[in-house]
Amino acid sequence: MTMRKKVLSVVMAFIMLISCLTVAASAYTYNPANKTGEVVISTVADKTTVKRGDVVTFDVHIDPGSKTNLAGSGTVIAFNADQLTPVGSTIPEFRTYVGEHAATYANQNSTAGNMNFNVASLKTFTDEEKALFTRAIQFVGGSTSAANRWNPVPGESYVQFQMTVSDSVNPGDEIWIGVPEAAYAAGSANISYYGDSTRVTRTALTEFNLTNSMIKLTVAGETPAGPVVSKNAAQVKMTLNDEKTAPVISAANPFSLRVISEISEEDWNSYFEPTVVDGKVTTNIKRVGIVGYKGDGTFDMATAVEVAKGADVADYQAADTTYIQKKDGESAKFGARIDFKAQGNIKDVTYVAFVEYGNGEYAFYAEPATAKLLTSYETIVNSYIGFVNK
């Protein structure tokens, strides 16, 4: 997509935005039955809009209600291993206890837990959840002595861990992670407390509020839906003849329309995510180009989309570019030239630019632009004739 620097007759500028046709990869909704218990468990993240390679820090919070003298807990984190990778390969590397009494309550030297907890043991998972959550991690904390029971304040973060967003995710994907109700139902996640001086009681499932124990992340690219094109211009080449008429197209004299566009550096760095592999820079962009329409009817965006994807439709023509120009600190620039070779006059051309990215997703202009060629052509001809007759 090298910027082909030709001197063309007409330049018309338009400011436009691209909209994306991405569909979110998941429509899962966490809707636990346990919403009224007084022991509230919630999961929060330091960011909920992510991109590939991001390291996300998660905190599990608790409001114990009237429960006091907590003696221990078992926590299960369920996630999709195709989307997230744990930071740390052992329990002590993976989890950090962060509560007010963390050192005494959690016994930070403990290795208790399971980095490869069997998700299948969470039998109350729905079929959808069994497909979505492919892996779980369980970690267990307990107080080091009867003198050091845990009495967290409401909303206290009692455990922290990190996950890396995998390279396999796509813009618009949903990523779910957290402590599912199924873990409490199976007894794999629990809170224990001292009911009296000698007896440890496990909090019943019905005493929990798990409304926010799972959290959703969204892969960047869903909102805004696509890359923002900061500037767009159409350049038109027309045949200059003796009569003040619209350009005439023939096989020997095609009509050319060239579009030059820019993608902001912010969107380039986040949405298209350039990466370096073995010293070679690659991006998520597969192709860019334009679709033009020269007919007398109404431009149809749905048809333009199909033409960009390879459909052959009368009066529509698509053209790809072969290079995107990008310098550090600047917008990415690309241009495409489309040649209409069918014979006949053209009064105007309506067009859209497009970007193909990821696994066959497309981004298009929200609204097409129209180059009013006849008016521009007559202006150029009059100017030219006036110049040569001087």
Protein backbone atom coordinates (compact mmCIF):
# COMPACT_ATOMS: atom_id res chain seq x y z
CA MET A 1 0.00 0.00 0.00
CA THR A 2 2.78 2.43 -0.88
CA MET A 3 1.46 5.93 -1.29
CA ARG A 4 1.56 6.29 -5.07
CA LYS A 5 2.35 10.01 -5.51
CA LYS A 6 0.50 11.00 -8.69
CA VAL A 7 -0.69 14.48 -9.59
CA LEU A 8 -4.42 14.04 -10.07
CA SER A 9 -7.03 16.55 -11.17
CA VAL A 10 -9.49 16.81 -8.28
CA VAL A 11 -9.01 16.45 -4.53
CA MET A 12 -12.00 16.32 -2.16
CA ALA A 13 -11.54 15.86 1.60
CA PHE A 14 -13.92 14.12 4.02
CA ILE A 15 -13.64 13.45 7.75
CA MET A 16 -15.04 10.03 8.55
CA LEU A 17 -15.17 7.17 11.08
CA ILE A 18 -15.00 3.44 10.46
CA SER A 19 -17.51 1.09 12.02
CA CYS A 20 -16.78 -2.57 12.60
CA LEU A 21 -18.86 -5.65 11.87
CA THR A 22 -17.29 -7.69 14.69
CA VAL A 23 -19.68 -9.87 16.66
CA ALA A 24 -18.79 -10.66 20.26
CA ALA A 25 -17.58 -14.24 20.57
CA SER A 26 -19.56 -14.98 23.72
CA ALA A 27 -23.00 -14.09 24.99
CA TYR A 28 -22.59 -15.81 28.35
CA THR A 29 -24.21 -14.18 31.38
CA TYR A 30 -23.30 -15.19 34.93
CA ASN A 31 -26.54 -15.41 36.87
CA PRO A 32 -26.01 -17.20 40.21
CA ALA A 33 -28.90 -18.26 42.41
CA ASN A 34 -27.14 -17.09 45.58
CA LYS A 35 -27.81 -13.35 45.71
CA THR A 36 -29.23 -12.73 49.18
CA GLY A 37 -26.70 -14.26 51.58
CA GLU A 38 -24.82 -11.93 53.92
CA VAL A 39 -21.32 -13.19 53.05
CA VAL A 40 -20.55 -11.29 49.86
CA ILE A 41 -17.82 -12.54 47.52
CA SER A 42 -16.80 -10.39 44.54
CA THR A 43 -14.01 -10.38 41.97
CA VAL A 44 -12.54 -7.15 40.58
CA ALA A 45 -9.83 -6.47 37.99
CA ASP A 46 -7.46 -3.56 37.46
CA LYS A 47 -8.77 -3.34 33.88
CA THR A 48 -11.85 -4.76 32.18
CA THR A 49 -11.01 -3.78 28.59
CA VAL A 50 -7.95 -5.75 27.53
CA LYS A 51 -5.84 -6.69 24.55
CA ARG A 52 -3.54 -9.58 23.75
CA GLY A 53 -0.56 -9.86 26.07
CA ASP A 54 -2.07 -7.72 28.85
CA VAL A 55 -1.31 -8.82 32.40
CA VAL A 56 -4.46 -8.32 34.48
CA THR A 57 -4.45 -8.19 38.29
CA PHE A 58 -7.49 -9.67 40.02
CA ASP A 59 -8.62 -9.25 43.64
CA VAL A 60 -11.19 -11.41 45.41
CA HIS A 61 -13.11 -9.35 47.97
CA ILE A 62 -15.22 -10.40 50.93
CA ASP A 63 -17.82 -8.78 53.16
CA PRO A 64 -18.34 -11.31 55.99
CA GLY A 65 -21.55 -9.79 57.30
CA SER A 66 -22.05 -10.97 60.87
CA LYS A 67 -19.53 -13.81 60.58
CA THR A 68 -16.49 -13.39 62.83
CA ASN A 69 -13.39 -15.37 63.73
CA LEU A 70 -12.91 -16.75 60.24
CA ALA A 71 -10.54 -19.68 60.35
CA GLY A 72 -9.89 -20.46 56.72
CA SER A 73 -11.12 -20.45 53.16
CA GLY A 74 -10.97 -22.41 49.96
CA THR A 75 -11.15 -20.35 46.76
CA VAL A 76 -11.60 -21.69 43.23
CA ILE A 77 -10.85 -19.54 40.18
CA ALA A 78 -12.45 -20.80 36.96
CA PHE A 79 -11.39 -19.51 33.52
CA ASN A 80 -10.87 -20.41 29.88
CA ALA A 81 -7.30 -21.59 29.33
CA ASP A 82 -7.50 -20.58 25.66
CA GLN A 83 -8.02 -16.97 26.75
CA LEU A 84 -5.97 -16.59 29.93
CA THR A 85 -2.67 -17.94 31.26
CA PRO A 86 -1.86 -17.83 35.00
CA VAL A 87 1.14 -15.79 36.09
CA GLY A 88 3.02 -18.33 38.21
CA SER A 89 3.24 -22.08 37.94
CA THR A 90 2.83 -22.94 41.63
CA ILE A 91 0.30 -21.90 44.27
CA PRO A 92 2.71 -19.55 46.15
CA GLU A 93 3.75 -17.94 42.83
CA PHE A 94 0.19 -17.59 41.65
CA ARG A 95 -1.68 -16.23 44.68
CA THR A 96 -0.90 -13.41 47.08
CA TYR A 97 -2.87 -12.85 50.28
CA VAL A 98 -3.52 -9.15 50.74
CA GLY A 99 -5.95 -8.77 53.66
CA GLU A 100 -5.31 -6.89 56.89
CA HIS A 101 -4.35 -10.12 58.69
CA ALA A 102 -2.86 -11.79 55.63
CA ALA A 103 0.37 -13.00 57.21
CA THR A 104 -1.34 -14.67 60.18
CA TYR A 105 -4.53 -15.79 58.47
CA ALA A 106 -3.19 -17.17 55.22
CA ASN A 107 0.16 -18.70 56.19
CA GLN A 108 2.04 -17.41 53.16
CA ASN A 109 4.48 -20.33 53.22
CA SER A 110 1.65 -22.75 52.59
CA THR A 111 1.54 -24.55 49.23
CA ALA A 112 -1.99 -25.84 49.79
CA GLY A 113 -4.09 -25.85 46.68
CA ASN A 114 -4.26 -27.21 43.15
CA MET A 115 -3.00 -25.44 40.03
CA ASN A 116 -4.94 -27.89 37.84
CA PHE A 117 -8.23 -28.25 39.65
CA ASN A 118 -10.69 -30.51 37.81
CA VAL A 119 -13.47 -28.34 36.41
CA ALA A 120 -15.55 -31.46 35.83
CA SER A 121 -15.88 -31.84 39.62
CA LEU A 122 -18.04 -28.68 39.65
CA LYS A 123 -21.08 -30.71 38.73
CA THR A 124 -23.62 -27.86 38.89
CA PHE A 125 -21.97 -26.15 35.94
CA THR A 126 -24.31 -25.85 32.98
CA ASP A 127 -23.26 -27.33 29.62
CA GLU A 128 -22.45 -23.79 28.47
CA GLU A 129 -20.22 -23.22 31.49
CA LYS A 130 -18.49 -26.58 31.06
CA ALA A 131 -17.56 -25.52 27.53
CA LEU A 132 -16.55 -22.01 28.56
CA PHE A 133 -14.51 -22.75 31.68
CA THR A 134 -11.80 -25.22 30.74
CA ARG A 135 -9.53 -24.89 33.76
CA ALA A 136 -9.63 -23.93 37.43
CA ILE A 137 -7.16 -23.19 40.23
CA GLN A 138 -7.88 -23.82 43.91
CA PHE A 139 -5.96 -22.24 46.76
CA VAL A 140 -6.55 -22.75 50.46
CA GLY A 141 -5.79 -20.42 53.36
CA GLY A 142 -5.96 -21.06 57.07
CA SER A 143 -5.12 -19.15 60.24
CA THR A 144 -1.86 -20.03 61.92
CA SER A 145 -3.26 -20.05 65.46
CA ALA A 146 -6.50 -19.63 67.41
CA ALA A 147 -5.22 -16.25 68.55
CA ASN A 148 -5.10 -14.94 65.02
CA ARG A 149 -8.54 -15.42 63.57
CA TRP A 150 -9.47 -13.41 60.52
CA ASN A 151 -12.04 -10.62 60.85
CA PRO A 152 -12.03 -8.84 57.47
CA VAL A 153 -13.65 -5.47 57.10
CA PRO A 154 -16.50 -5.24 54.55
CA GLY A 155 -15.12 -5.21 51.02
CA GLU A 156 -11.63 -6.34 52.02
CA SER A 157 -9.50 -7.93 49.30
CA TYR A 158 -8.28 -11.19 50.74
CA VAL A 159 -6.49 -12.79 47.79
CA GLN A 160 -4.83 -11.46 44.65
CA PHE A 161 -3.54 -13.12 41.48
CA GLN A 162 -2.60 -12.25 37.89
CA MET A 163 -3.45 -13.60 34.45
CA THR A 164 -2.01 -12.91 30.99
CA VAL A 165 -4.43 -12.42 28.08
CA SER A 166 -3.65 -15.00 25.38
CA ASP A 167 -2.74 -14.19 21.79
CA SER A 168 -5.68 -16.27 20.52
CA VAL A 169 -8.37 -13.75 21.55
CA ASN A 170 -10.00 -11.42 19.02
CA PRO A 171 -11.53 -7.94 19.28
CA GLY A 172 -14.96 -8.15 20.87
CA ASP A 173 -14.35 -11.46 22.66
CA GLU A 174 -15.67 -11.79 26.20
CA ILE A 175 -13.44 -13.30 28.89
CA TRP A 176 -15.07 -14.61 32.07
CA ILE A 177 -13.10 -15.42 35.22
CA GLY A 178 -13.74 -15.62 38.95
CA VAL A 179 -15.23 -17.74 41.71
CA PRO A 180 -18.31 -19.54 40.33
CA GLU A 181 -21.32 -20.58 42.35
CA ALA A 182 -20.64 -24.17 41.25
CA ALA A 183 -17.44 -24.16 43.34
CA TYR A 184 -19.38 -23.35 46.51
CA ALA A 185 -22.09 -25.86 45.62
CA ALA A 186 -19.43 -28.56 45.30
CA GLY A 187 -17.77 -27.56 48.57
CA SER A 188 -14.54 -26.73 46.70
CA ALA A 189 -14.86 -23.05 47.67
CA ASN A 190 -15.85 -22.22 51.24
CA ILE A 191 -15.38 -19.99 54.25
CA SER A 192 -14.94 -21.56 57.69
CA TYR A 193 -15.37 -19.79 61.01
CA TYR A 194 -15.36 -20.55 64.73
CA GLY A 195 -18.92 -20.99 65.98
CA ASP A 196 -17.61 -21.25 69.53
CA SER A 197 -14.22 -21.69 71.17
CA THR A 198 -13.70 -25.22 69.89
CA ARG A 199 -15.88 -25.85 66.84
CA VAL A 200 -15.16 -24.80 63.25
CA THR A 201 -18.30 -24.30 61.14
CA ARG A 202 -18.35 -24.13 57.34
CA THR A 203 -20.58 -21.36 56.01
CA ALA A 204 -23.58 -22.82 54.19
CA LEU A 205 -24.01 -22.11 50.49
CA THR A 206 -27.28 -20.28 51.17
CA GLU A 207 -25.44 -17.70 53.30
CA PHE A 208 -23.45 -16.36 50.33
CA ASN A 209 -24.17 -13.55 47.89
CA LEU A 210 -22.23 -14.45 44.72
CA THR A 211 -23.71 -11.85 42.36
CA ASN A 212 -20.30 -10.39 41.45
CA SER A 213 -18.03 -13.34 42.17
CA MET A 214 -17.41 -13.74 38.41
CA ILE A 215 -16.18 -10.87 36.27
CA LYS A 216 -16.26 -10.21 32.51
CA LEU A 217 -13.38 -8.71 30.52
CA THR A 218 -13.82 -7.48 26.95
CA VAL A 219 -11.09 -7.61 24.32
CA ALA A 220 -10.45 -4.14 22.86
CA GLY A 221 -12.08 -3.52 19.51
CA GLU A 222 -15.73 -3.97 20.48
CA THR A 223 -16.21 -0.35 21.58
CA PRO A 224 -15.27 1.62 19.60
CA ALA A 225 -16.19 -1.00 17.05
CA GLY A 226 -13.27 -0.38 14.73
CA PRO A 227 -10.28 1.74 13.85
CA VAL A 228 -10.81 5.48 13.62
CA VAL A 229 -9.74 6.91 10.30
CA SER A 230 -8.63 10.45 11.00
CA LYS A 231 -8.64 11.74 7.43
CA ASN A 232 -9.95 10.61 4.08
CA ALA A 233 -9.53 12.19 0.64
CA ALA A 234 -10.66 11.20 -2.85
CA GLN A 235 -8.49 12.00 -5.85
CA VAL A 236 -10.04 11.75 -9.30
CA LYS A 237 -8.33 11.34 -12.69
CA MET A 238 -10.42 12.33 -15.72
CA THR A 239 -9.81 12.48 -19.44
CA LEU A 240 -9.51 16.06 -20.69
CA ASN A 241 -11.24 16.48 -24.07
CA ASP A 242 -12.53 19.33 -26.18
CA GLU A 243 -16.11 19.19 -24.97
CA LYS A 244 -17.42 20.13 -21.54
CA THR A 245 -18.83 16.73 -20.77
CA ALA A 246 -18.42 14.14 -18.07
CA PRO A 247 -15.45 11.77 -18.40
CA VAL A 248 -15.89 9.00 -20.96
CA ILE A 249 -14.70 5.54 -19.99
CA SER A 250 -13.22 3.06 -22.40
CA ALA A 251 -10.96 0.04 -22.12
CA ALA A 252 -8.09 2.18 -23.30
CA ASN A 253 -8.99 5.04 -21.03
CA PRO A 254 -10.23 3.78 -17.65
CA PHE A 255 -11.64 6.11 -15.07
CA SER A 256 -9.55 6.18 -11.87
CA LEU A 257 -10.57 7.01 -8.33
CA ARG A 258 -7.99 7.05 -5.58
CA VAL A 259 -8.70 7.16 -1.84
CA ILE A 260 -6.08 8.09 0.75
CA SER A 261 -6.82 7.34 4.40
CA GLU A 262 -5.14 7.50 7.79
CA ILE A 263 -5.52 5.31 10.88
CA SER A 264 -4.66 7.07 14.13
CA GLU A 265 -1.55 5.83 15.95
CA GLU A 266 -3.62 5.07 19.07
CA ASP A 267 -5.84 2.69 17.14
CA TRP A 268 -2.86 1.26 15.27
CA ASN A 269 -1.14 0.45 18.55
CA SER A 270 -4.20 -1.04 20.26
CA TYR A 271 -6.67 -2.29 17.69
CA PHE A 272 -4.28 -3.77 15.15
CA GLU A 273 -1.65 -4.74 17.74
CA PRO A 274 1.62 -4.84 15.77
CA THR A 275 3.91 -7.54 17.13
CA VAL A 276 7.54 -8.53 16.57
CA VAL A 277 8.27 -12.19 15.83
CA ASP A 278 11.88 -13.18 15.05
CA GLY A 279 12.68 -9.54 14.35
CA LYS A 280 9.80 -9.16 11.85
CA VAL A 281 6.96 -6.73 12.56
CA THR A 282 3.51 -8.09 11.81
CA THR A 283 0.03 -6.63 12.36
CA ASN A 284 -3.51 -7.87 12.61
CA ILE A 285 -4.34 -6.19 9.27
CA LYS A 286 -4.84 -8.55 6.32
CA ARG A 287 -5.80 -6.12 3.54
CA VAL A 288 -7.13 -2.62 2.97
CA GLY A 289 -8.82 -1.05 -0.02
CA ILE A 290 -11.93 0.67 -1.35
CA VAL A 291 -15.21 -0.25 -3.03
CA GLY A 292 -16.62 2.21 -5.56
CA TYR A 293 -20.07 2.47 -7.19
CA LYS A 294 -20.64 4.36 -10.48
CA GLY A 295 -24.27 3.48 -11.15
CA ASP A 296 -27.27 5.79 -11.40
CA GLY A 297 -29.14 4.06 -8.57
CA THR A 298 -28.65 4.17 -4.82
CA PHE A 299 -25.38 2.98 -3.31
CA ASP A 300 -25.98 -0.12 -1.18
CA MET A 301 -23.62 -0.66 1.75
CA ALA A 302 -24.48 -4.35 2.13
CA THR A 303 -23.59 -4.90 -1.55
CA ALA A 304 -20.32 -3.01 -1.09
CA VAL A 305 -19.44 -5.31 1.79
CA GLU A 306 -19.95 -8.38 -0.39
CA VAL A 307 -17.96 -6.82 -3.23
CA ALA A 308 -15.06 -6.18 -0.85
CA LYS A 309 -15.21 -9.87 0.02
CA GLY A 310 -15.03 -10.88 -3.63
CA ALA A 311 -18.55 -10.70 -5.11
CA ASP A 312 -18.91 -9.54 -8.73
CA VAL A 313 -21.71 -6.95 -8.96
CA ALA A 314 -22.42 -4.63 -11.89
CA ASP A 315 -21.32 -0.98 -11.41
CA TYR A 316 -19.35 -1.89 -8.25
CA GLN A 317 -15.61 -2.29 -8.25
CA ALA A 318 -13.17 -3.13 -5.43
CA ALA A 319 -9.47 -2.42 -5.28
CA ASP A 320 -6.83 -3.45 -2.75
CA THR A 321 -3.66 -1.67 -1.75
CA THR A 322 -0.36 -3.37 -1.12
CA TYR A 323 1.29 -1.24 1.55
CA ILE A 324 0.55 0.69 4.73
CA GLN A 325 2.99 3.44 5.60
CA LYS A 326 3.61 3.87 9.32
CA LYS A 327 6.20 5.92 11.20
CA ASP A 328 6.60 6.08 14.97
CA GLY A 329 4.54 8.92 16.40
CA GLU A 330 2.45 9.33 13.24
CA SER A 331 -0.80 8.00 11.83
CA ALA A 332 -0.70 5.01 9.52
CA LYS A 333 -1.41 5.97 5.91
CA PHE A 334 -2.75 3.91 3.03
CA GLY A 335 -4.13 4.59 -0.41
CA ALA A 336 -6.03 2.60 -3.04
CA ARG A 337 -6.84 3.30 -6.69
CA ILE A 338 -9.88 1.85 -8.38
CA ASP A 339 -10.24 1.71 -12.17
CA PHE A 340 -13.70 1.55 -13.76
CA LYS A 341 -13.27 0.00 -17.21
CA ALA A 342 -16.88 -0.39 -18.36
CA GLN A 343 -17.84 2.10 -21.05
CA GLY A 344 -20.20 4.99 -20.40
CA ASN A 345 -20.29 8.41 -18.75
CA ILE A 346 -19.86 8.93 -15.03
CA LYS A 347 -21.42 11.82 -13.13
CA ASP A 348 -20.23 10.79 -9.70
CA VAL A 349 -18.77 7.85 -7.77
CA THR A 350 -19.81 6.73 -4.28
CA TYR A 351 -17.18 4.80 -2.34
CA VAL A 352 -16.17 3.34 0.99
CA ALA A 353 -12.76 2.29 2.31
CA PHE A 354 -12.40 -1.00 4.17
CA VAL A 355 -9.94 -2.89 6.34
CA GLU A 356 -9.85 -6.67 6.68
CA TYR A 357 -8.28 -7.85 9.92
CA GLY A 358 -8.08 -10.82 12.27
CA ASN A 359 -9.83 -13.93 11.03
CA GLY A 360 -11.81 -12.41 8.18
CA GLU A 361 -13.46 -9.52 10.03
CA TYR A 362 -14.08 -6.29 8.10
CA ALA A 363 -14.28 -2.65 9.10
CA PHE A 364 -15.99 -0.13 6.80
CA TYR A 365 -16.80 3.56 6.80
CA ALA A 366 -19.96 4.30 8.73
CA GLU A 367 -21.21 6.40 5.80
CA PRO A 368 -20.05 6.33 2.17
CA ALA A 369 -18.59 9.39 0.48
CA THR A 370 -19.56 10.65 -2.98
CA ALA A 371 -17.26 12.39 -5.45
CA LYS A 372 -19.37 14.79 -7.59
CA LEU A 373 -17.37 14.38 -10.77
CA LEU A 374 -19.36 16.25 -13.39
CA THR A 375 -19.33 19.58 -11.54
CA SER A 376 -15.64 19.20 -10.74
CA TYR A 377 -14.85 18.20 -14.32
CA GLU A 378 -16.54 21.23 -15.82
CA THR A 379 -14.70 23.52 -13.40
CA ILE A 380 -11.36 21.99 -14.37
CA VAL A 381 -12.11 22.18 -18.11
CA ASN A 382 -13.13 25.84 -17.88
CA SER A 383 -10.02 26.64 -15.89
CA TYR A 384 -7.83 24.80 -18.38
CA ILE A 385 -9.38 26.46 -21.42
CA GLY A 386 -9.04 29.85 -19.80
CA PHE A 387 -5.38 29.18 -19.09
CA VAL A 388 -4.39 27.97 -22.60
CA ASN A 389 -6.28 30.85 -24.31
CA LYS A 390 -4.37 33.53 -22.43
